[in-house]
């Protein structure tokens, strides 16, 4: 009897091991991370949620090709082709990291570009512009633009009136499933879905302060909140930490499954 029980137990362990081998393994996302307080600006990479490693550091002095640049990195985006784009959040320059080595100036836009996204589209960037208030004026309205880098000038895709959302939007946004979502800089942040009409408040259960927002390959959100953690969520109620690092990250971008670098 004991021998039969042993055989049954071993058979069960064998089946469990075989199922583990044959079952598909869930892979964690790969992240590009920035800390907007670092000077000169720097990019970090995390593979599968593992420890971050530096991949690029800007020069302390701006290149003559973009002499008015602030040499920080505040926000970052990665296209489906694996191309990395970033902005300082304090000037009008959109930059590209060519071959993960060389900083290339893509274009300049009048005003201060606060955030950037790729919308899941190759050779395309979305970016937000919100002016800095002058002389104690209230925070101005902002806009979100789309630019196909192969096809000409930016086109406006959304206007965000501060009066419509109760103020507090400094440009943080993400695209997901063809829709644009924005987050205010408050604690907790308020989130809205924006388009051509009045913004619709969404995810009203959120209790997080959001500094950088992006969407994953499987259609949920990840966000940075100016700490060493990156979080993943589908509804901003159930929030899961997916990365812990050594910087106070202000933004996160998700790399494609098979980037063409």
C-alpha atoms as a PDB file:
ATOM      1  CA  UNK A   1       0.000   0.000   0.000  1.00  0.00           C
ATOM      2  CA  UNK A   2       2.791   2.414   0.917  1.00  0.00           C
ATOM      3  CA  UNK A   3       4.572   1.633  -2.365  1.00  0.00           C
ATOM      4  CA  UNK A   4       1.374   2.332  -4.349  1.00  0.00           C
ATOM      5  CA  UNK A   5       0.939   5.655  -2.565  1.00  0.00           C
ATOM      6  CA  UNK A   6       4.558   6.511  -3.369  1.00  0.00           C
ATOM      7  CA  UNK A   7       4.022   5.700  -7.049  1.00  0.00           C
ATOM      8  CA  UNK A   8       0.845   7.800  -7.127  1.00  0.00           C
ATOM      9  CA  UNK A   9       2.656  10.708  -5.498  1.00  0.00           C
ATOM     10  CA  UNK A  10       5.569  10.484  -7.916  1.00  0.00           C
ATOM     11  CA  UNK A  11       3.173  10.290 -10.862  1.00  0.00           C
ATOM     12  CA  UNK A  12       1.448  13.441  -9.660  1.00  0.00           C
ATOM     13  CA  UNK A  13       4.750  15.290  -9.324  1.00  0.00           C
ATOM     14  CA  UNK A  14       5.768  14.168 -12.816  1.00  0.00           C
ATOM     15  CA  UNK A  15       2.506  15.420 -14.326  1.00  0.00           C
ATOM     16  CA  UNK A  16       2.867  18.753 -12.495  1.00  0.00           C
ATOM     17  CA  UNK A  17       6.452  19.176 -13.716  1.00  0.00           C
ATOM     18  CA  UNK A  18       5.425  18.299 -17.275  1.00  0.00           C
ATOM     19  CA  UNK A  19       2.575  20.826 -17.190  1.00  0.00           C
ATOM     20  CA  UNK A  20       4.982  23.480 -15.933  1.00  0.00           C
ATOM     21  CA  UNK A  21       7.388  22.790 -18.781  1.00  0.00           C
ATOM     22  CA  UNK A  22       4.722  22.790 -21.468  1.00  0.00           C
ATOM     23  CA  UNK A  23       2.702  25.753 -20.163  1.00  0.00           C
ATOM     24  CA  UNK A  24       3.465  29.148 -21.713  1.00  0.00           C
ATOM     25  CA  UNK A  25       5.495  31.361 -19.413  1.00  0.00           C
ATOM     26  CA  UNK A  26       4.104  34.852 -18.820  1.00  0.00           C
ATOM     27  CA  UNK A  27       6.790  37.383 -19.665  1.00  0.00           C
ATOM     28  CA  UNK A  28       7.105  40.669 -17.793  1.00  0.00           C
ATOM     29  CA  UNK A  29       7.304  43.953 -19.654  1.00  0.00           C
ATOM     30  CA  UNK A  30      10.585  45.628 -20.527  1.00  0.00           C
ATOM     31  CA  UNK A  31      10.728  49.277 -19.455  1.00  0.00           C
ATOM     32  CA  UNK A  32      12.557  52.465 -20.395  1.00  0.00           C
ATOM     33  CA  UNK A  33      12.686  54.767 -17.362  1.00  0.00           C
ATOM     34  CA  UNK A  34      13.522  58.404 -16.667  1.00  0.00           C
ATOM     35  CA  UNK A  35      13.969  60.603 -13.623  1.00  0.00           C
ATOM     36  CA  UNK A  36      13.196  64.190 -14.576  1.00  0.00           C
ATOM     37  CA  UNK A  37      15.266  65.578 -11.701  1.00  0.00           C
ATOM     38  CA  UNK A  38      18.516  64.043 -12.973  1.00  0.00           C
ATOM     39  CA  UNK A  39      20.945  66.405 -14.694  1.00  0.00           C
ATOM     40  CA  UNK A  40      22.126  65.778 -17.305  1.00  0.00           C
ATOM     41  CA  UNK A  41      19.106  63.666 -18.236  1.00  0.00           C
ATOM     42  CA  UNK A  42      19.478  59.909 -18.307  1.00  0.00           C
ATOM     43  CA  UNK A  43      17.644  56.849 -19.620  1.00  0.00           C
ATOM     44  CA  UNK A  44      17.529  53.507 -17.836  1.00  0.00           C
ATOM     45  CA  UNK A  45      16.376  50.107 -19.085  1.00  0.00           C
ATOM     46  CA  UNK A  46      14.744  47.305 -17.108  1.00  0.00           C
ATOM     47  CA  UNK A  47      14.376  43.918 -18.789  1.00  0.00           C
ATOM     48  CA  UNK A  48      11.483  41.864 -17.476  1.00  0.00           C
ATOM     49  CA  UNK A  49      11.163  44.060 -14.405  1.00  0.00           C
ATOM     50  CA  UNK A  50      14.777  43.349 -13.408  1.00  0.00           C
ATOM     51  CA  UNK A  51      17.324  45.805 -12.059  1.00  0.00           C
ATOM     52  CA  UNK A  52      17.698  48.972 -14.097  1.00  0.00           C
ATOM     53  CA  UNK A  53      20.819  49.709 -16.087  1.00  0.00           C
ATOM     54  CA  UNK A  54      21.805  53.057 -17.661  1.00  0.00           C
ATOM     55  CA  UNK A  55      21.635  53.164 -21.465  1.00  0.00           C
ATOM     56  CA  UNK A  56      22.134  56.860 -22.272  1.00  0.00           C
ATOM     57  CA  UNK A  57      23.181  60.067 -20.557  1.00  0.00           C
ATOM     58  CA  UNK A  58      22.811  63.474 -22.173  1.00  0.00           C
ATOM     59  CA  UNK A  59      25.615  66.003 -22.367  1.00  0.00           C
ATOM     60  CA  UNK A  60      25.635  68.789 -19.811  1.00  0.00           C
ATOM     61  CA  UNK A  61      25.783  71.424 -22.562  1.00  0.00           C
ATOM     62  CA  UNK A  62      23.261  71.602 -25.403  1.00  0.00           C
ATOM     63  CA  UNK A  63      24.368  70.799 -28.944  1.00  0.00           C
ATOM     64  CA  UNK A  64      24.652  73.722 -31.373  1.00  0.00           C
ATOM     65  CA  UNK A  65      21.870  72.104 -33.405  1.00  0.00           C
ATOM     66  CA  UNK A  66      19.449  72.700 -30.500  1.00  0.00           C
ATOM     67  CA  UNK A  67      21.076  75.479 -28.449  1.00  0.00           C
ATOM     68  CA  UNK A  68      18.037  76.302 -26.296  1.00  0.00           C
ATOM     69  CA  UNK A  69      17.541  72.747 -25.069  1.00  0.00           C
ATOM     70  CA  UNK A  70      17.249  71.925 -21.383  1.00  0.00           C
ATOM     71  CA  UNK A  71      19.484  68.886 -21.016  1.00  0.00           C
ATOM     72  CA  UNK A  72      17.161  66.857 -18.837  1.00  0.00           C
ATOM     73  CA  UNK A  73      14.837  63.991 -19.737  1.00  0.00           C
ATOM     74  CA  UNK A  74      11.383  64.326 -18.240  1.00  0.00           C
ATOM     75  CA  UNK A  75       9.246  61.972 -20.348  1.00  0.00           C
ATOM     76  CA  UNK A  76       9.944  59.075 -22.702  1.00  0.00           C
ATOM     77  CA  UNK A  77       8.105  56.989 -25.312  1.00  0.00           C
ATOM     78  CA  UNK A  78       8.948  53.874 -27.331  1.00  0.00           C
ATOM     79  CA  UNK A  79       7.373  53.093 -30.696  1.00  0.00           C
ATOM     80  CA  UNK A  80       6.278  49.630 -31.878  1.00  0.00           C
ATOM     81  CA  UNK A  81       9.474  49.557 -33.945  1.00  0.00           C
ATOM     82  CA  UNK A  82      11.544  49.931 -30.773  1.00  0.00           C
ATOM     83  CA  UNK A  83      12.569  53.538 -31.415  1.00  0.00           C
ATOM     84  CA  UNK A  84      13.047  55.674 -28.315  1.00  0.00           C
ATOM     85  CA  UNK A  85      11.862  59.289 -28.175  1.00  0.00           C
ATOM     86  CA  UNK A  86      12.089  61.720 -25.280  1.00  0.00           C
ATOM     87  CA  UNK A  87      11.540  65.307 -24.181  1.00  0.00           C
ATOM     88  CA  UNK A  88      12.883  67.358 -21.301  1.00  0.00           C
ATOM     89  CA  UNK A  89       9.417  68.633 -20.388  1.00  0.00           C
ATOM     90  CA  UNK A  90      10.854  72.160 -20.268  1.00  0.00           C
ATOM     91  CA  UNK A  91      11.498  73.077 -23.913  1.00  0.00           C
ATOM     92  CA  UNK A  92      10.089  72.441 -27.395  1.00  0.00           C
ATOM     93  CA  UNK A  93      12.564  69.803 -28.622  1.00  0.00           C
ATOM     94  CA  UNK A  94      11.654  66.205 -29.490  1.00  0.00           C
ATOM     95  CA  UNK A  95      14.679  63.912 -29.394  1.00  0.00           C
ATOM     96  CA  UNK A  96      15.380  60.411 -30.704  1.00  0.00           C
ATOM     97  CA  UNK A  97      18.000  57.982 -29.400  1.00  0.00           C
ATOM     98  CA  UNK A  98      19.429  56.488 -32.582  1.00  0.00           C
ATOM     99  CA  UNK A  99      20.742  52.926 -32.164  1.00  0.00           C
ATOM    100  CA  UNK A 100      20.559  53.512 -28.403  1.00  0.00           C
ATOM    101  CA  UNK A 101      23.740  55.564 -28.644  1.00  0.00           C
ATOM    102  CA  UNK A 102      23.338  58.870 -30.443  1.00  0.00           C
ATOM    103  CA  UNK A 103      20.988  61.722 -29.535  1.00  0.00           C
ATOM    104  CA  UNK A 104      19.198  63.028 -32.636  1.00  0.00           C
ATOM    105  CA  UNK A 105      17.065  66.170 -32.762  1.00  0.00           C
ATOM    106  CA  UNK A 106      13.819  65.207 -34.556  1.00  0.00           C
ATOM    107  CA  UNK A 107      11.930  68.522 -34.560  1.00  0.00           C
ATOM    108  CA  UNK A 108      11.152  71.602 -32.509  1.00  0.00           C
ATOM    109  CA  UNK A 109       7.707  72.915 -31.633  1.00  0.00           C
ATOM    110  CA  UNK A 110       6.845  76.370 -30.267  1.00  0.00           C
ATOM    111  CA  UNK A 111       6.037  76.128 -26.585  1.00  0.00           C
ATOM    112  CA  UNK A 112       6.925  73.638 -23.883  1.00  0.00           C
ATOM    113  CA  UNK A 113       6.376  69.982 -24.729  1.00  0.00           C
ATOM    114  CA  UNK A 114       5.390  68.268 -21.490  1.00  0.00           C
ATOM    115  CA  UNK A 115       4.847  64.610 -22.460  1.00  0.00           C
ATOM    116  CA  UNK A 116       5.243  62.243 -25.402  1.00  0.00           C
ATOM    117  CA  UNK A 117       3.700  58.974 -26.605  1.00  0.00           C
ATOM    118  CA  UNK A 118       3.809  56.910 -29.784  1.00  0.00           C
ATOM    119  CA  UNK A 119       0.202  55.739 -29.886  1.00  0.00           C
ATOM    120  CA  UNK A 120       1.255  52.278 -31.044  1.00  0.00           C
ATOM    121  CA  UNK A 121       2.092  53.731 -34.457  1.00  0.00           C
ATOM    122  CA  UNK A 122       5.428  53.467 -36.231  1.00  0.00           C
ATOM    123  CA  UNK A 123       7.360  56.690 -37.018  1.00  0.00           C
ATOM    124  CA  UNK A 124       4.673  58.677 -35.152  1.00  0.00           C
ATOM    125  CA  UNK A 125       4.708  60.709 -31.962  1.00  0.00           C
ATOM    126  CA  UNK A 126       1.950  62.311 -29.926  1.00  0.00           C
ATOM    127  CA  UNK A 127       2.946  65.168 -27.644  1.00  0.00           C
ATOM    128  CA  UNK A 128       1.301  67.576 -25.221  1.00  0.00           C
ATOM    129  CA  UNK A 129       1.989  71.297 -24.884  1.00  0.00           C
ATOM    130  CA  UNK A 130       1.060  73.299 -21.788  1.00  0.00           C
ATOM    131  CA  UNK A 131       2.490  76.811 -21.295  1.00  0.00           C
ATOM    132  CA  UNK A 132       4.143  77.730 -18.009  1.00  0.00           C
ATOM    133  CA  UNK A 133       2.028  80.333 -16.167  1.00  0.00           C
ATOM    134  CA  UNK A 134       3.522  83.819 -16.108  1.00  0.00           C
ATOM    135  CA  UNK A 135       3.142  86.457 -13.400  1.00  0.00           C
ATOM    136  CA  UNK A 136       0.979  84.251 -11.154  1.00  0.00           C
ATOM    137  CA  UNK A 137      -1.561  83.638 -13.924  1.00  0.00           C
ATOM    138  CA  UNK A 138      -3.691  80.483 -13.691  1.00  0.00           C
ATOM    139  CA  UNK A 139      -2.518  77.366 -15.503  1.00  0.00           C
ATOM    140  CA  UNK A 140      -3.254  77.736 -19.203  1.00  0.00           C
ATOM    141  CA  UNK A 141      -5.179  75.320 -21.393  1.00  0.00           C
ATOM    142  CA  UNK A 142      -3.146  72.647 -23.146  1.00  0.00           C
ATOM    143  CA  UNK A 143      -3.197  70.746 -26.426  1.00  0.00           C
ATOM    144  CA  UNK A 144      -2.209  67.298 -27.659  1.00  0.00           C
ATOM    145  CA  UNK A 145      -0.748  66.880 -31.135  1.00  0.00           C
ATOM    146  CA  UNK A 146       0.057  63.987 -33.440  1.00  0.00           C
ATOM    147  CA  UNK A 147       2.901  63.988 -35.922  1.00  0.00           C
ATOM    148  CA  UNK A 148       3.754  61.317 -38.483  1.00  0.00           C
ATOM    149  CA  UNK A 149       7.483  61.889 -38.814  1.00  0.00           C
ATOM    150  CA  UNK A 150       7.361  60.757 -42.448  1.00  0.00           C
ATOM    151  CA  UNK A 151       4.446  62.936 -43.473  1.00  0.00           C
ATOM    152  CA  UNK A 152       4.785  66.559 -42.461  1.00  0.00           C
ATOM    153  CA  UNK A 153       3.601  68.887 -39.735  1.00  0.00           C
ATOM    154  CA  UNK A 154       1.837  68.135 -36.434  1.00  0.00           C
ATOM    155  CA  UNK A 155      -1.950  68.074 -36.296  1.00  0.00           C
ATOM    156  CA  UNK A 156      -3.973  68.904 -33.201  1.00  0.00           C
ATOM    157  CA  UNK A 157      -5.943  65.941 -31.829  1.00  0.00           C
ATOM    158  CA  UNK A 158      -7.253  67.347 -28.526  1.00  0.00           C
ATOM    159  CA  UNK A 159      -7.604  70.592 -26.599  1.00  0.00           C
ATOM    160  CA  UNK A 160      -7.735  70.327 -22.824  1.00  0.00           C
ATOM    161  CA  UNK A 161      -9.442  73.278 -21.169  1.00  0.00           C
ATOM    162  CA  UNK A 162      -8.427  73.533 -17.527  1.00  0.00           C
ATOM    163  CA  UNK A 163     -11.921  74.772 -16.711  1.00  0.00           C
ATOM    164  CA  UNK A 164     -13.426  71.526 -18.043  1.00  0.00           C
ATOM    165  CA  UNK A 165     -11.346  69.301 -15.776  1.00  0.00           C
ATOM    166  CA  UNK A 166     -10.983  71.484 -12.692  1.00  0.00           C
ATOM    167  CA  UNK A 167      -7.383  72.440 -13.450  1.00  0.00           C
ATOM    168  CA  UNK A 168      -4.143  70.716 -12.571  1.00  0.00           C
ATOM    169  CA  UNK A 169      -3.211  69.220 -15.969  1.00  0.00           C
ATOM    170  CA  UNK A 170       0.463  69.711 -16.830  1.00  0.00           C
ATOM    171  CA  UNK A 171       0.476  67.501 -19.911  1.00  0.00           C
ATOM    172  CA  UNK A 172       0.634  63.915 -18.615  1.00  0.00           C
ATOM    173  CA  UNK A 173      -1.181  61.594 -21.035  1.00  0.00           C
ATOM    174  CA  UNK A 174      -1.151  58.175 -22.668  1.00  0.00           C
ATOM    175  CA  UNK A 175      -2.821  56.623 -25.692  1.00  0.00           C
ATOM    176  CA  UNK A 176      -4.525  53.243 -25.384  1.00  0.00           C
ATOM    177  CA  UNK A 177      -6.701  51.517 -27.944  1.00  0.00           C
ATOM    178  CA  UNK A 178      -6.954  54.659 -30.041  1.00  0.00           C
ATOM    179  CA  UNK A 179      -8.116  56.772 -27.087  1.00  0.00           C
ATOM    180  CA  UNK A 180      -6.244  59.460 -25.178  1.00  0.00           C
ATOM    181  CA  UNK A 181      -6.180  59.536 -21.383  1.00  0.00           C
ATOM    182  CA  UNK A 182      -4.806  62.394 -19.288  1.00  0.00           C
ATOM    183  CA  UNK A 183      -3.839  62.605 -15.612  1.00  0.00           C
ATOM    184  CA  UNK A 184      -3.682  65.704 -13.445  1.00  0.00           C
ATOM    185  CA  UNK A 185      -0.737  66.427 -11.135  1.00  0.00           C
ATOM    186  CA  UNK A 186      -2.436  66.037  -7.792  1.00  0.00           C
ATOM    187  CA  UNK A 187      -2.559  63.523  -4.971  1.00  0.00           C
ATOM    188  CA  UNK A 188      -4.529  61.605  -5.988  1.00  0.00           C
ATOM    189  CA  UNK A 189      -4.486  62.407  -9.699  1.00  0.00           C
ATOM    190  CA  UNK A 190      -7.743  62.668 -11.601  1.00  0.00           C
ATOM    191  CA  UNK A 191      -7.979  60.876 -14.947  1.00  0.00           C
ATOM    192  CA  UNK A 192      -9.976  61.840 -18.020  1.00  0.00           C
ATOM    193  CA  UNK A 193     -10.605  60.436 -21.473  1.00  0.00           C
ATOM    194  CA  UNK A 194     -10.291  63.254 -23.981  1.00  0.00           C
ATOM    195  CA  UNK A 195     -11.369  63.777 -27.564  1.00  0.00           C
ATOM    196  CA  UNK A 196     -13.241  66.446 -29.483  1.00  0.00           C
ATOM    197  CA  UNK A 197     -15.827  67.160 -26.785  1.00  0.00           C
ATOM    198  CA  UNK A 198     -15.753  67.788 -23.044  1.00  0.00           C
ATOM    199  CA  UNK A 199     -13.334  65.387 -21.291  1.00  0.00           C
ATOM    200  CA  UNK A 200     -14.948  62.399 -19.561  1.00  0.00           C
ATOM    201  CA  UNK A 201     -13.682  61.638 -16.064  1.00  0.00           C
ATOM    202  CA  UNK A 202     -12.706  57.972 -15.746  1.00  0.00           C
ATOM    203  CA  UNK A 203     -11.166  55.679 -13.125  1.00  0.00           C
ATOM    204  CA  UNK A 204     -12.667  57.717 -10.308  1.00  0.00           C
ATOM    205  CA  UNK A 205     -11.420  55.199  -7.736  1.00  0.00           C
ATOM    206  CA  UNK A 206      -7.789  56.164  -8.326  1.00  0.00           C
ATOM    207  CA  UNK A 207      -5.810  56.928  -5.177  1.00  0.00           C
ATOM    208  CA  UNK A 208      -2.399  57.364  -6.825  1.00  0.00           C
ATOM    209  CA  UNK A 209      -0.359  60.433  -7.756  1.00  0.00           C
ATOM    210  CA  UNK A 210       0.626  59.964 -11.405  1.00  0.00           C
ATOM    211  CA  UNK A 211       3.654  61.661 -12.975  1.00  0.00           C
ATOM    212  CA  UNK A 212       4.119  59.461 -16.047  1.00  0.00           C
ATOM    213  CA  UNK A 213       1.591  57.215 -17.803  1.00  0.00           C
ATOM    214  CA  UNK A 214       1.884  54.592 -20.525  1.00  0.00           C
ATOM    215  CA  UNK A 215       0.090  51.535 -21.891  1.00  0.00           C
ATOM    216  CA  UNK A 216       1.450  47.983 -22.050  1.00  0.00           C
ATOM    217  CA  UNK A 217       1.479  45.481 -24.893  1.00  0.00           C
ATOM    218  CA  UNK A 218      -1.581  43.738 -23.425  1.00  0.00           C
ATOM    219  CA  UNK A 219      -3.617  46.914 -23.106  1.00  0.00           C
ATOM    220  CA  UNK A 220      -3.359  47.946 -19.456  1.00  0.00           C
ATOM    221  CA  UNK A 221      -1.643  50.966 -17.917  1.00  0.00           C
ATOM    222  CA  UNK A 222       1.696  51.397 -16.204  1.00  0.00           C
ATOM    223  CA  UNK A 223       2.598  54.565 -14.357  1.00  0.00           C
ATOM    224  CA  UNK A 224       5.366  56.301 -12.441  1.00  0.00           C
ATOM    225  CA  UNK A 225       4.663  58.358  -9.349  1.00  0.00           C
ATOM    226  CA  UNK A 226       8.001  60.057  -8.670  1.00  0.00           C
ATOM    227  CA  UNK A 227       9.229  57.201  -6.452  1.00  0.00           C
ATOM    228  CA  UNK A 228      11.393  54.190  -7.176  1.00  0.00           C
ATOM    229  CA  UNK A 229       8.366  52.115  -8.136  1.00  0.00           C
ATOM    230  CA  UNK A 230       6.486  51.464 -11.376  1.00  0.00           C
ATOM    231  CA  UNK A 231       2.907  50.226 -11.123  1.00  0.00           C
ATOM    232  CA  UNK A 232       0.595  48.272 -13.417  1.00  0.00           C
ATOM    233  CA  UNK A 233      -3.209  48.549 -13.400  1.00  0.00           C
ATOM    234  CA  UNK A 234      -6.277  47.972 -15.527  1.00  0.00           C
ATOM    235  CA  UNK A 235      -8.702  50.043 -13.462  1.00  0.00           C
ATOM    236  CA  UNK A 236      -6.606  52.187 -11.045  1.00  0.00           C
ATOM    237  CA  UNK A 237      -8.224  50.353  -8.138  1.00  0.00           C
ATOM    238  CA  UNK A 238      -6.212  47.153  -8.221  1.00  0.00           C
ATOM    239  CA  UNK A 239      -2.634  48.417  -8.506  1.00  0.00           C
ATOM    240  CA  UNK A 240       0.355  46.091  -8.735  1.00  0.00           C
ATOM    241  CA  UNK A 241       4.008  47.159  -8.347  1.00  0.00           C
ATOM    242  CA  UNK A 242       5.968  45.671 -11.251  1.00  0.00           C
ATOM    243  CA  UNK A 243       9.343  47.328 -10.750  1.00  0.00           C
ATOM    244  CA  UNK A 244      11.353  48.773  -7.874  1.00  0.00           C
ATOM    245  CA  UNK A 245      14.524  50.724  -8.628  1.00  0.00           C
ATOM    246  CA  UNK A 246      16.955  53.246  -7.284  1.00  0.00           C
ATOM    247  CA  UNK A 247      15.683  56.479  -8.888  1.00  0.00           C
ATOM    248  CA  UNK A 248      12.627  58.656  -8.379  1.00  0.00           C
ATOM    249  CA  UNK A 249      11.124  57.873 -11.763  1.00  0.00           C
ATOM    250  CA  UNK A 250       8.927  60.460 -13.453  1.00  0.00           C
ATOM    251  CA  UNK A 251       7.978  58.395 -16.511  1.00  0.00           C
ATOM    252  CA  UNK A 252       7.993  54.889 -17.926  1.00  0.00           C
ATOM    253  CA  UNK A 253       7.633  53.540 -21.462  1.00  0.00           C
ATOM    254  CA  UNK A 254       6.996  49.919 -22.421  1.00  0.00           C
ATOM    255  CA  UNK A 255       9.198  48.341 -25.044  1.00  0.00           C
ATOM    256  CA  UNK A 256       7.676  46.185 -27.817  1.00  0.00           C
ATOM    257  CA  UNK A 257       8.005  42.409 -27.600  1.00  0.00           C
ATOM    258  CA  UNK A 258      10.481  42.225 -30.479  1.00  0.00           C
ATOM    259  CA  UNK A 259      11.945  45.714 -30.985  1.00  0.00           C
ATOM    260  CA  UNK A 260      13.768  46.406 -34.227  1.00  0.00           C
ATOM    261  CA  UNK A 261      16.821  48.268 -32.919  1.00  0.00           C
END
